[in-house]
């Protein structure tokens, strides 16, 4: 037989999990110091430039 499930509890648990996932995303986005964000942005730009420099022209 199937297990009896309280739908209110399931909905609340899902809402809590969604809220925690959003909080983790916000911590990653806004919890980083400005100098580290700028460093990561500069590194990504440098990597993109290096990658595009290796492309083969047709």
PDB file of N, CA and C in Angstrom:
ATOM      1  N   UNK A   1       0.822  -1.171   0.000  1.00  0.00           N
ATOM      2  CA  UNK A   1       0.000   0.000   0.000  1.00  0.00           C
ATOM      3  C   UNK A   1       0.878   1.250   0.000  1.00  0.00           C
ATOM      4  N   UNK A   2       0.286   2.312  -0.416  1.00  0.00           N
ATOM      5  CA  UNK A   2       0.994   3.580  -0.470  1.00  0.00           C
ATOM      6  C   UNK A   2       1.013   4.247   0.893  1.00  0.00           C
ATOM      7  N   UNK A   3       1.998   5.079   1.082  1.00  0.00           N
ATOM      8  CA  UNK A   3       2.121   5.796   2.342  1.00  0.00           C
ATOM      9  C   UNK A   3       1.216   7.027   2.321  1.00  0.00           C
ATOM     10  N   UNK A   4       0.577   7.304   3.424  1.00  0.00           N
ATOM     11  CA  UNK A   4      -0.290   8.469   3.522  1.00  0.00           C
ATOM     12  C   UNK A   4       0.582   9.710   3.685  1.00  0.00           C
ATOM     13  N   UNK A   5       0.293  10.739   2.873  1.00  0.00           N
ATOM     14  CA  UNK A   5       1.104  11.946   2.859  1.00  0.00           C
ATOM     15  C   UNK A   5       0.231  13.144   3.190  1.00  0.00           C
ATOM     16  N   UNK A   6       0.713  13.971   4.097  1.00  0.00           N
ATOM     17  CA  UNK A   6       0.029  15.202   4.429  1.00  0.00           C
ATOM     18  C   UNK A   6       0.483  16.260   3.422  1.00  0.00           C
ATOM     19  N   UNK A   7      -0.434  16.706   2.562  1.00  0.00           N
ATOM     20  CA  UNK A   7      -0.072  17.617   1.479  1.00  0.00           C
ATOM     21  C   UNK A   7       0.409  18.967   1.991  1.00  0.00           C
ATOM     22  N   UNK A   8      -0.138  19.431   3.112  1.00  0.00           N
ATOM     23  CA  UNK A   8       0.312  20.699   3.675  1.00  0.00           C
ATOM     24  C   UNK A   8       1.790  20.624   4.059  1.00  0.00           C
ATOM     25  N   UNK A   9       2.187  19.520   4.676  1.00  0.00           N
ATOM     26  CA  UNK A   9       3.587  19.352   5.068  1.00  0.00           C
ATOM     27  C   UNK A   9       4.502  19.275   3.856  1.00  0.00           C
ATOM     28  N   UNK A  10       4.051  18.599   2.825  1.00  0.00           N
ATOM     29  CA  UNK A  10       4.856  18.473   1.608  1.00  0.00           C
ATOM     30  C   UNK A  10       5.037  19.836   0.955  1.00  0.00           C
ATOM     31  N   UNK A  11       3.953  20.611   0.870  1.00  0.00           N
ATOM     32  CA  UNK A  11       4.032  21.941   0.268  1.00  0.00           C
ATOM     33  C   UNK A  11       4.941  22.862   1.071  1.00  0.00           C
ATOM     34  N   UNK A  12       4.832  22.793   2.398  1.00  0.00           N
ATOM     35  CA  UNK A  12       5.665  23.635   3.246  1.00  0.00           C
ATOM     36  C   UNK A  12       7.131  23.232   3.134  1.00  0.00           C
ATOM     37  N   UNK A  13       7.404  21.949   3.074  1.00  0.00           N
ATOM     38  CA  UNK A  13       8.783  21.481   2.943  1.00  0.00           C
ATOM     39  C   UNK A  13       9.376  21.920   1.594  1.00  0.00           C
ATOM     40  N   UNK A  14       8.581  21.849   0.541  1.00  0.00           N
ATOM     41  CA  UNK A  14       9.047  22.282  -0.771  1.00  0.00           C
ATOM     42  C   UNK A  14       9.308  23.785  -0.778  1.00  0.00           C
ATOM     43  N   UNK A  15       8.433  24.551  -0.136  1.00  0.00           N
ATOM     44  CA  UNK A  15       8.615  26.002  -0.053  1.00  0.00           C
ATOM     45  C   UNK A  15       9.887  26.338   0.722  1.00  0.00           C
ATOM     46  N   UNK A  16      10.150  25.624   1.805  1.00  0.00           N
ATOM     47  CA  UNK A  16      11.365  25.851   2.584  1.00  0.00           C
ATOM     48  C   UNK A  16      12.607  25.538   1.757  1.00  0.00           C
ATOM     49  N   UNK A  17      12.568  24.446   1.008  1.00  0.00           N
ATOM     50  CA  UNK A  17      13.710  24.059   0.182  1.00  0.00           C
ATOM     51  C   UNK A  17      13.959  25.096  -0.916  1.00  0.00           C
ATOM     52  N   UNK A  18      12.885  25.582  -1.532  1.00  0.00           N
ATOM     53  CA  UNK A  18      13.026  26.608  -2.567  1.00  0.00           C
ATOM     54  C   UNK A  18      13.603  27.897  -1.989  1.00  0.00           C
ATOM     55  N   UNK A  19      13.115  28.258  -0.810  1.00  0.00           N
ATOM     56  CA  UNK A  19      13.590  29.476  -0.156  1.00  0.00           C
ATOM     57  C   UNK A  19      15.077  29.347   0.200  1.00  0.00           C
ATOM     58  N   UNK A  20      15.484  28.180   0.671  1.00  0.00           N
ATOM     59  CA  UNK A  20      16.889  27.947   1.021  1.00  0.00           C
ATOM     60  C   UNK A  20      17.773  27.982  -0.219  1.00  0.00           C
ATOM     61  N   UNK A  21      17.291  27.439  -1.337  1.00  0.00           N
ATOM     62  CA  UNK A  21      18.060  27.475  -2.579  1.00  0.00           C
ATOM     63  C   UNK A  21      18.248  28.915  -3.053  1.00  0.00           C
ATOM     64  N   UNK A  22      17.198  29.711  -2.940  1.00  0.00           N
ATOM     65  CA  UNK A  22      17.302  31.122  -3.326  1.00  0.00           C
ATOM     66  C   UNK A  22      18.267  31.863  -2.393  1.00  0.00           C
ATOM     67  N   UNK A  23      18.227  31.553  -1.117  1.00  0.00           N
ATOM     68  CA  UNK A  23      19.125  32.192  -0.156  1.00  0.00           C
ATOM     69  C   UNK A  23      20.575  31.833  -0.454  1.00  0.00           C
ATOM     70  N   UNK A  24      20.822  30.586  -0.814  1.00  0.00           N
ATOM     71  CA  UNK A  24      22.183  30.166  -1.154  1.00  0.00           C
ATOM     72  C   UNK A  24      22.679  30.902  -2.392  1.00  0.00           C
ATOM     73  N   UNK A  25      21.793  31.068  -3.364  1.00  0.00           N
ATOM     74  CA  UNK A  25      22.150  31.809  -4.570  1.00  0.00           C
ATOM     75  C   UNK A  25      22.477  33.254  -4.240  1.00  0.00           C
ATOM     76  N   UNK A  26      21.671  33.866  -3.393  1.00  0.00           N
ATOM     77  CA  UNK A  26      21.912  35.255  -2.992  1.00  0.00           C
ATOM     78  C   UNK A  26      23.203  35.392  -2.201  1.00  0.00           C
ATOM     79  N   UNK A  27      23.507  34.416  -1.348  1.00  0.00           N
ATOM     80  CA  UNK A  27      24.762  34.467  -0.597  1.00  0.00           C
ATOM     81  C   UNK A  27      25.948  34.411  -1.542  1.00  0.00           C
ATOM     82  N   UNK A  28      25.847  33.579  -2.574  1.00  0.00           N
ATOM     83  CA  UNK A  28      26.942  33.485  -3.536  1.00  0.00           C
ATOM     84  C   UNK A  28      27.075  34.766  -4.346  1.00  0.00           C
ATOM     85  N   UNK A  29      25.959  35.361  -4.688  1.00  0.00           N
ATOM     86  CA  UNK A  29      25.975  36.548  -5.537  1.00  0.00           C
ATOM     87  C   UNK A  29      26.362  37.799  -4.762  1.00  0.00           C
ATOM     88  N   UNK A  30      25.793  38.006  -3.599  1.00  0.00           N
ATOM     89  CA  UNK A  30      25.985  39.253  -2.879  1.00  0.00           C
ATOM     90  C   UNK A  30      26.966  39.136  -1.717  1.00  0.00           C
ATOM     91  N   UNK A  31      27.367  37.941  -1.366  1.00  0.00           N
ATOM     92  CA  UNK A  31      28.262  37.749  -0.235  1.00  0.00           C
ATOM     93  C   UNK A  31      29.732  37.814  -0.598  1.00  0.00           C
ATOM     94  N   UNK A  32      30.042  38.002  -1.868  1.00  0.00           N
ATOM     95  CA  UNK A  32      31.418  38.045  -2.322  1.00  0.00           C
ATOM     96  C   UNK A  32      31.934  39.477  -2.267  1.00  0.00           C
ATOM     97  N   UNK A  33      33.129  39.692  -1.736  1.00  0.00           N
ATOM     98  CA  UNK A  33      33.687  41.043  -1.715  1.00  0.00           C
ATOM     99  C   UNK A  33      33.903  41.577  -3.128  1.00  0.00           C
ATOM    100  N   UNK A  34      33.848  42.887  -3.245  1.00  0.00           N
ATOM    101  CA  UNK A  34      33.917  43.546  -4.548  1.00  0.00           C
ATOM    102  C   UNK A  34      35.213  43.215  -5.277  1.00  0.00           C
ATOM    103  N   UNK A  35      36.328  43.199  -4.564  1.00  0.00           N
ATOM    104  CA  UNK A  35      37.595  42.942  -5.247  1.00  0.00           C
ATOM    105  C   UNK A  35      37.648  41.524  -5.810  1.00  0.00           C
ATOM    106  N   UNK A  36      37.045  40.551  -5.127  1.00  0.00           N
ATOM    107  CA  UNK A  36      37.025  39.187  -5.652  1.00  0.00           C
ATOM    108  C   UNK A  36      36.094  39.061  -6.858  1.00  0.00           C
ATOM    109  N   UNK A  37      34.947  39.787  -6.820  1.00  0.00           N
ATOM    110  CA  UNK A  37      34.042  39.776  -7.983  1.00  0.00           C
ATOM    111  C   UNK A  37      34.743  40.365  -9.197  1.00  0.00           C
ATOM    112  N   UNK A  38      35.446  41.480  -9.011  1.00  0.00           N
ATOM    113  CA  UNK A  38      36.141  42.123 -10.126  1.00  0.00           C
ATOM    114  C   UNK A  38      37.267  41.230 -10.645  1.00  0.00           C
ATOM    115  N   UNK A  39      37.967  40.553  -9.744  1.00  0.00           N
ATOM    116  CA  UNK A  39      39.029  39.634 -10.141  1.00  0.00           C
ATOM    117  C   UNK A  39      38.472  38.479 -10.977  1.00  0.00           C
ATOM    118  N   UNK A  40      37.355  37.912 -10.553  1.00  0.00           N
ATOM    119  CA  UNK A  40      36.729  36.815 -11.292  1.00  0.00           C
ATOM    120  C   UNK A  40      36.247  37.292 -12.660  1.00  0.00           C
ATOM    121  N   UNK A  41      35.691  38.508 -12.701  1.00  0.00           N
ATOM    122  CA  UNK A  41      35.214  39.070 -13.968  1.00  0.00           C
ATOM    123  C   UNK A  41      36.379  39.292 -14.926  1.00  0.00           C
ATOM    124  N   UNK A  42      37.498  39.819 -14.414  1.00  0.00           N
ATOM    125  CA  UNK A  42      38.685  40.049 -15.246  1.00  0.00           C
ATOM    126  C   UNK A  42      39.260  38.725 -15.741  1.00  0.00           C
ATOM    127  N   UNK A  43      39.264  37.719 -14.877  1.00  0.00           N
ATOM    128  CA  UNK A  43      39.779  36.402 -15.268  1.00  0.00           C
ATOM    129  C   UNK A  43      38.904  35.790 -16.357  1.00  0.00           C
ATOM    130  N   UNK A  44      37.589  35.933 -16.246  1.00  0.00           N
ATOM    131  CA  UNK A  44      36.686  35.394 -17.262  1.00  0.00           C
ATOM    132  C   UNK A  44      36.893  36.111 -18.592  1.00  0.00           C
ATOM    133  N   UNK A  45      37.097  37.430 -18.543  1.00  0.00           N
ATOM    134  CA  UNK A  45      37.336  38.182 -19.775  1.00  0.00           C
ATOM    135  C   UNK A  45      38.646  37.755 -20.411  1.00  0.00           C
ATOM    136  N   UNK A  46      39.661  37.552 -19.593  1.00  0.00           N
ATOM    137  CA  UNK A  46      40.963  37.125 -20.112  1.00  0.00           C
ATOM    138  C   UNK A  46      40.854  35.725 -20.731  1.00  0.00           C
ATOM    139  N   UNK A  47      40.132  34.833 -20.078  1.00  0.00           N
ATOM    140  CA  UNK A  47      39.950  33.486 -20.615  1.00  0.00           C
ATOM    141  C   UNK A  47      39.188  33.514 -21.940  1.00  0.00           C
ATOM    142  N   UNK A  48      38.164  34.352 -22.030  1.00  0.00           N
ATOM    143  CA  UNK A  48      37.388  34.455 -23.267  1.00  0.00           C
ATOM    144  C   UNK A  48      38.262  35.007 -24.397  1.00  0.00           C
ATOM    145  N   UNK A  49      39.089  35.978 -24.092  1.00  0.00           N
ATOM    146  CA  UNK A  49      39.982  36.555 -25.102  1.00  0.00           C
ATOM    147  C   UNK A  49      40.997  35.515 -25.576  1.00  0.00           C
ATOM    148  N   UNK A  50      41.542  34.761 -24.623  1.00  0.00           N
ATOM    149  CA  UNK A  50      42.517  33.730 -24.963  1.00  0.00           C
ATOM    150  C   UNK A  50      41.867  32.634 -25.805  1.00  0.00           C
ATOM    151  N   UNK A  51      40.625  32.273 -25.442  1.00  0.00           N
ATOM    152  CA  UNK A  51      39.902  31.228 -26.166  1.00  0.00           C
ATOM    153  C   UNK A  51      39.584  31.680 -27.583  1.00  0.00           C
ATOM    154  N   UNK A  52      39.128  32.919 -27.747  1.00  0.00           N
ATOM    155  CA  UNK A  52      38.783  33.400 -29.076  1.00  0.00           C
ATOM    156  C   UNK A  52      40.023  33.591 -29.942  1.00  0.00           C
ATOM    157  N   UNK A  53      41.178  33.769 -29.322  1.00  0.00           N
ATOM    158  CA  UNK A  53      42.427  33.903 -30.073  1.00  0.00           C
ATOM    159  C   UNK A  53      42.873  32.600 -30.710  1.00  0.00           C
ATOM    160  N   UNK A  54      42.379  31.491 -30.221  1.00  0.00           N
ATOM    161  CA  UNK A  54      42.747  30.179 -30.759  1.00  0.00           C
ATOM    162  C   UNK A  54      41.761  29.676 -31.807  1.00  0.00           C
ATOM    163  N   UNK A  55      40.759  30.476 -32.143  1.00  0.00           N
ATOM    164  CA  UNK A  55      39.783  30.038 -33.134  1.00  0.00           C
ATOM    165  C   UNK A  55      40.421  30.017 -34.502  1.00  0.00           C
ATOM    166  N   UNK A  56      39.956  29.101 -35.291  1.00  0.00           N
ATOM    167  CA  UNK A  56      40.452  28.938 -36.636  1.00  0.00           C
ATOM    168  C   UNK A  56      39.534  29.700 -37.599  1.00  0.00           C
ATOM    169  N   UNK A  57      40.095  30.549 -38.438  1.00  0.00           N
ATOM    170  CA  UNK A  57      39.310  31.295 -39.420  1.00  0.00           C
ATOM    171  C   UNK A  57      39.087  30.430 -40.647  1.00  0.00           C
ATOM    172  N   UNK A  58      37.879  30.509 -41.206  1.00  0.00           N
ATOM    173  CA  UNK A  58      37.570  29.729 -42.415  1.00  0.00           C
ATOM    174  C   UNK A  58      37.701  30.599 -43.638  1.00  0.00           C
TER     175      UNK A  58
END
